[in-house]
Amino acid sequence: MKQGVDTSAGHRPSDATNDRALATGERKPDLAQSSTGGGESSHDARPSLAPYGRIAPRDTDATPFTTILEALIDRVSGAVAAAIVDSQGETVDYAGRGEPFDLRVAAAHVQIVLASLQRFAALGEPSWIVIRGGRKSVAASVLPDGYVLVLLLRPRAAFTISTRALKVCMQALAEEAGWRAFAKREGAKQRSWFEVAVETDRRGRPIRIGPKKIPVEVLGAVMGLSVRERGFRVRTAEGSELTLVREPRQRWYADEPV
């Protein structure tokens, strides 16, 4: 699906269409915290995750990966917990609700499923899988060197995961782990997404972005997004152009680092 840009609100941008992001990006992430301005609410309503267990005390020390996983859970609607497992199914780190032992077991089983799919060459090399269950769902993304990122979600949240949030998470994991940039998937054009702080006017249109509060001019609206997303093509005061997308809970992403 192509995402067109409606330029009726401003000048015609140089890139009038935007492909939806489907796989991992390659550029270094900007981990600035999102913010809002104007008359918009800071957070959309979010269903309680209490039925999926308490936030259990850690049974291992936190690592630099812990905050990255916590940020992913916060940005993905319906996310309950997240974990990183190695090629042997051992949990490297985790975050979220539920008992750590149960999360480790679930993550190890998902790693086994992915390893089995990798051996079944007729399907090609898998990059991610989604399993929807009656009580919970699981999404798993392949990382370098045999590692796997596992995300535990509410049942109906598995097929609506923010690919932008996943990209930001995997970019941060790669930076922390010292992995080289992910290779481009054959036949899929990659687009990187970066977290960005955005200040808006009373209509919810961006007016300043980034930690330096760079003024921006809205060139047009991005079309083809989901009903809960809103996008803009903007030009900065420095003359560069980029696309900004607001996801639920006022989470903003840019297709270029700011």
Protein backbone atom coordinates (compact mmCIF):
# COMPACT_ATOMS: atom_id res chain seq x y z
CA MET A 1 0.00 0.00 0.00
CA LYS A 2 1.30 3.43 -0.87
CA GLN A 3 0.96 6.40 1.42
CA GLY A 4 0.29 9.56 -0.54
CA VAL A 5 0.72 13.08 0.71
CA ASP A 6 -2.14 15.55 0.48
CA THR A 7 -0.47 18.85 -0.35
CA SER A 8 -3.55 21.01 -0.12
CA ALA A 9 -2.33 22.35 3.21
CA GLY A 10 1.02 23.55 1.94
CA HIS A 11 3.75 23.26 -0.65
CA ARG A 12 4.25 20.10 -2.64
CA PRO A 13 6.89 17.89 -1.00
CA SER A 14 9.71 16.33 -2.93
CA ASP A 15 8.63 12.82 -1.87
CA ALA A 16 4.90 12.53 -2.42
CA THR A 17 4.50 8.89 -1.39
CA ASN A 18 5.64 6.91 1.61
CA ASP A 19 5.83 3.12 1.87
CA ARG A 20 4.70 1.52 5.08
CA ALA A 21 7.63 0.23 7.18
CA LEU A 22 7.75 -3.57 7.41
CA ALA A 23 11.20 -4.59 8.58
CA THR A 24 14.25 -3.50 10.53
CA GLY A 25 15.94 -0.15 9.93
CA GLU A 26 19.65 0.48 9.74
CA ARG A 27 20.36 3.91 11.14
CA LYS A 28 21.25 4.93 14.67
CA PRO A 29 18.11 5.72 16.68
CA ASP A 30 17.24 9.04 18.29
CA LEU A 31 15.90 8.09 21.71
CA ALA A 32 14.46 11.50 22.60
CA GLN A 33 11.26 11.27 24.65
CA SER A 34 8.10 12.27 22.83
CA SER A 35 6.15 15.30 23.93
CA THR A 36 3.09 17.18 22.80
CA GLY A 37 1.91 20.72 22.71
CA GLY A 38 -1.24 22.67 22.05
CA GLY A 39 -4.58 21.26 23.05
CA GLU A 40 -3.85 17.52 22.62
CA SER A 41 -4.06 15.04 25.47
CA SER A 42 -0.71 13.57 26.50
CA HIS A 43 -2.01 9.97 26.47
CA ASP A 44 -4.85 8.06 24.90
CA ALA A 45 -6.86 5.68 27.07
CA ARG A 46 -5.08 2.38 27.54
CA PRO A 47 -6.73 -0.82 28.82
CA SER A 48 -5.42 -2.14 32.13
CA LEU A 49 -2.86 -4.92 31.98
CA ALA A 50 -3.57 -6.05 35.56
CA PRO A 51 -5.23 -9.34 34.44
CA TYR A 52 -1.91 -10.37 32.87
CA GLY A 53 -0.02 -10.45 36.14
CA ARG A 54 1.80 -8.11 38.45
CA ILE A 55 5.09 -6.42 37.70
CA ALA A 56 7.20 -9.05 39.44
CA PRO A 57 10.43 -8.26 41.29
CA ARG A 58 13.44 -9.05 39.13
CA ASP A 59 15.31 -12.26 39.89
CA THR A 60 18.38 -11.03 37.99
CA ASP A 61 20.17 -7.70 37.83
CA ALA A 62 18.95 -5.19 35.28
CA THR A 63 21.12 -4.65 32.21
CA PRO A 64 21.33 -1.86 29.61
CA PHE A 65 18.79 -3.87 27.61
CA THR A 66 16.18 -3.58 30.37
CA THR A 67 15.26 0.04 29.68
CA ILE A 68 15.11 -0.66 25.94
CA LEU A 69 12.60 -3.47 26.50
CA GLU A 70 10.59 -1.34 28.93
CA ALA A 71 10.38 1.42 26.33
CA LEU A 72 9.11 -1.08 23.75
CA ILE A 73 6.38 -2.30 26.09
CA ASP A 74 5.34 1.27 26.77
CA ARG A 75 5.10 2.11 23.07
CA VAL A 76 3.28 -1.00 21.83
CA SER A 77 -0.43 -1.06 22.65
CA GLY A 78 -1.38 -4.28 24.40
CA ALA A 79 2.20 -5.30 25.21
CA VAL A 80 2.52 -7.26 28.44
CA ALA A 81 6.18 -8.32 28.56
CA ALA A 82 9.29 -8.61 26.40
CA ALA A 83 12.43 -10.70 26.43
CA ILE A 84 15.63 -11.32 24.48
CA VAL A 85 16.77 -14.92 24.09
CA ASP A 86 19.95 -16.30 22.56
CA SER A 87 20.37 -19.11 20.04
CA GLN A 88 20.19 -21.69 22.84
CA GLY A 89 16.94 -20.33 24.24
CA GLU A 90 18.57 -18.71 27.27
CA THR A 91 17.03 -15.40 28.34
CA VAL A 92 19.45 -12.50 28.11
CA ASP A 93 17.08 -9.97 29.68
CA TYR A 94 13.38 -9.33 30.15
CA ALA A 95 10.86 -6.70 31.27
CA GLY A 96 7.14 -6.45 31.92
CA ARG A 97 4.40 -8.27 33.82
CA GLY A 98 4.16 -11.85 34.96
CA GLU A 99 6.55 -14.31 36.57
CA PRO A 100 10.09 -14.17 35.15
CA PHE A 101 10.30 -17.98 34.97
CA ASP A 102 7.11 -18.24 32.90
CA LEU A 103 8.36 -15.53 30.56
CA ARG A 104 11.68 -17.31 30.09
CA VAL A 105 9.94 -20.58 29.24
CA ALA A 106 7.60 -18.89 26.75
CA ALA A 107 10.47 -17.03 25.07
CA ALA A 108 12.55 -20.22 24.80
CA HIS A 109 9.67 -22.07 23.12
CA VAL A 110 9.24 -19.25 20.59
CA GLN A 111 12.96 -19.42 19.83
CA ILE A 112 12.56 -23.15 19.13
CA VAL A 113 9.68 -22.44 16.74
CA LEU A 114 11.77 -19.88 14.85
CA ALA A 115 14.74 -22.27 14.70
CA SER A 116 12.46 -24.96 13.25
CA LEU A 117 11.18 -22.56 10.60
CA GLN A 118 14.74 -21.64 9.68
CA ARG A 119 15.51 -25.31 9.04
CA PHE A 120 12.48 -25.59 6.76
CA ALA A 121 14.19 -23.97 3.79
CA ALA A 122 11.10 -23.97 1.57
CA LEU A 123 9.77 -20.96 3.49
CA GLY A 124 12.97 -18.98 3.21
CA GLU A 125 14.62 -17.30 6.17
CA PRO A 126 11.95 -16.05 8.64
CA SER A 127 12.28 -12.51 9.95
CA TRP A 128 9.36 -12.50 12.41
CA ILE A 129 6.36 -14.57 13.48
CA VAL A 130 3.07 -13.81 15.22
CA ILE A 131 1.08 -16.39 17.19
CA ARG A 132 -2.37 -15.45 18.44
CA GLY A 133 -3.75 -17.33 21.41
CA GLY A 134 -6.99 -17.24 23.35
CA ARG A 135 -5.37 -15.75 26.46
CA LYS A 136 -2.21 -14.11 25.12
CA SER A 137 -0.41 -13.65 21.83
CA VAL A 138 3.27 -13.68 20.97
CA ALA A 139 5.32 -11.82 18.39
CA ALA A 140 8.96 -12.65 17.78
CA SER A 141 11.54 -10.83 15.65
CA VAL A 142 14.87 -12.25 14.51
CA LEU A 143 17.97 -10.38 15.68
CA PRO A 144 21.61 -10.87 14.62
CA ASP A 145 23.77 -13.77 15.84
CA GLY A 146 20.81 -16.04 16.58
CA TYR A 147 19.15 -13.76 19.12
CA VAL A 148 15.37 -13.30 19.15
CA LEU A 149 13.21 -10.48 20.50
CA VAL A 150 9.98 -11.90 21.98
CA LEU A 151 6.97 -9.72 22.80
CA LEU A 152 4.03 -11.01 24.84
CA LEU A 153 0.72 -9.22 24.14
CA ARG A 154 -3.01 -9.24 24.73
CA PRO A 155 -4.75 -11.65 22.31
CA ARG A 156 -6.03 -9.07 19.83
CA ALA A 157 -2.91 -6.88 19.92
CA ALA A 158 -0.61 -9.26 18.04
CA PHE A 159 -1.55 -8.16 14.52
CA THR A 160 -1.56 -4.44 15.22
CA ILE A 161 1.97 -4.06 16.57
CA SER A 162 3.68 -0.78 15.76
CA THR A 163 6.43 -1.63 13.28
CA ARG A 164 7.93 1.77 14.02
CA ALA A 165 8.26 0.94 17.72
CA LEU A 166 9.84 -2.40 16.83
CA LYS A 167 12.35 -0.71 14.56
CA VAL A 168 13.34 1.80 17.21
CA CYS A 169 13.76 -1.03 19.72
CA MET A 170 15.87 -3.19 17.43
CA GLN A 171 18.04 -0.24 16.46
CA ALA A 172 18.67 0.48 20.14
CA LEU A 173 19.41 -3.19 20.86
CA ALA A 174 21.86 -3.32 17.95
CA GLU A 175 23.62 -0.19 19.16
CA GLU A 176 23.92 -1.51 22.71
CA ALA A 177 25.05 -4.98 21.60
CA GLY A 178 27.51 -3.65 19.05
CA TRP A 179 25.85 -5.49 16.15
CA ARG A 180 26.37 -4.23 12.66
CA ALA A 181 23.44 -2.75 10.80
CA PHE A 182 20.81 -5.25 9.79
CA ALA A 183 21.04 -6.35 6.16
CA LYS A 184 18.22 -5.31 3.87
CA ARG A 185 15.65 -8.00 3.40
CA GLU A 186 15.58 -9.26 -0.14
CA GLY A 187 12.77 -7.66 -2.12
CA ALA A 188 11.76 -5.25 0.69
CA LYS A 189 12.74 -1.62 0.76
CA GLN A 190 13.75 -0.60 4.23
CA ARG A 191 12.64 2.50 6.07
CA SER A 192 14.07 3.51 9.39
CA TRP A 193 12.01 5.24 12.04
CA PHE A 194 13.24 7.31 14.95
CA GLU A 195 11.58 8.49 18.14
CA VAL A 196 11.17 12.23 18.17
CA ALA A 197 9.77 14.87 20.50
CA VAL A 198 7.10 16.94 18.77
CA GLU A 199 5.32 20.09 19.87
CA THR A 200 1.99 20.75 18.20
CA ASP A 201 -0.44 23.60 17.77
CA ARG A 202 -4.06 23.52 18.92
CA ARG A 203 -5.04 21.54 15.81
CA GLY A 204 -2.45 18.86 16.53
CA ARG A 205 -0.11 19.92 13.71
CA PRO A 206 3.65 19.89 14.35
CA ILE A 207 5.31 23.24 14.99
CA ARG A 208 8.63 22.26 16.61
CA ILE A 209 10.57 18.98 16.76
CA GLY A 210 13.54 17.44 18.51
CA PRO A 211 15.44 18.41 21.64
CA LYS A 212 16.50 21.67 19.98
CA LYS A 213 12.85 22.54 19.22
CA ILE A 214 13.51 23.08 15.52
CA PRO A 215 10.60 24.97 13.86
CA VAL A 216 8.86 23.07 11.06
CA GLU A 217 6.43 24.01 8.27
CA VAL A 218 3.71 21.50 7.40
CA LEU A 219 3.78 20.72 3.68
CA GLY A 220 0.92 18.25 3.62
CA ALA A 221 -0.83 15.34 5.31
CA VAL A 222 0.33 11.74 4.87
CA MET A 223 -2.48 9.56 3.55
CA GLY A 224 -2.99 5.81 3.91
CA LEU A 225 -2.25 5.53 7.63
CA SER A 226 -4.42 3.61 10.07
CA VAL A 227 -7.43 5.29 11.65
CA ARG A 228 -5.54 5.94 14.89
CA GLU A 229 -2.49 7.46 13.21
CA ARG A 230 -1.84 10.89 11.77
CA GLY A 231 1.09 11.89 9.56
CA PHE A 232 2.62 15.04 8.16
CA ARG A 233 5.28 15.88 5.61
CA VAL A 234 7.24 18.82 7.02
CA ARG A 235 10.12 21.11 6.15
CA THR A 236 12.46 22.23 8.92
CA ALA A 237 13.81 25.74 9.33
CA GLU A 238 17.14 24.25 8.20
CA GLY A 239 15.61 23.32 4.83
CA SER A 240 15.41 19.53 5.17
CA GLU A 241 12.19 17.55 4.66
CA LEU A 242 10.94 14.57 6.64
CA THR A 243 7.81 12.64 7.50
CA LEU A 244 6.33 12.68 11.00
CA VAL A 245 3.78 10.10 12.16
CA ARG A 246 1.81 10.23 15.40
CA GLU A 247 0.70 6.87 16.76
CA PRO A 248 -1.72 6.26 19.66
CA ARG A 249 -0.75 7.65 23.06
CA GLN A 250 0.93 10.63 21.38
CA ARG A 251 3.98 8.65 20.27
CA TRP A 252 5.74 10.43 17.42
CA TYR A 253 8.19 9.01 14.89
CA ALA A 254 10.29 10.59 12.14
CA ASP A 255 11.68 8.88 9.06
CA GLU A 256 14.96 10.77 9.48
CA PRO A 257 17.04 11.36 12.62
CA VAL A 258 16.45 14.78 14.14
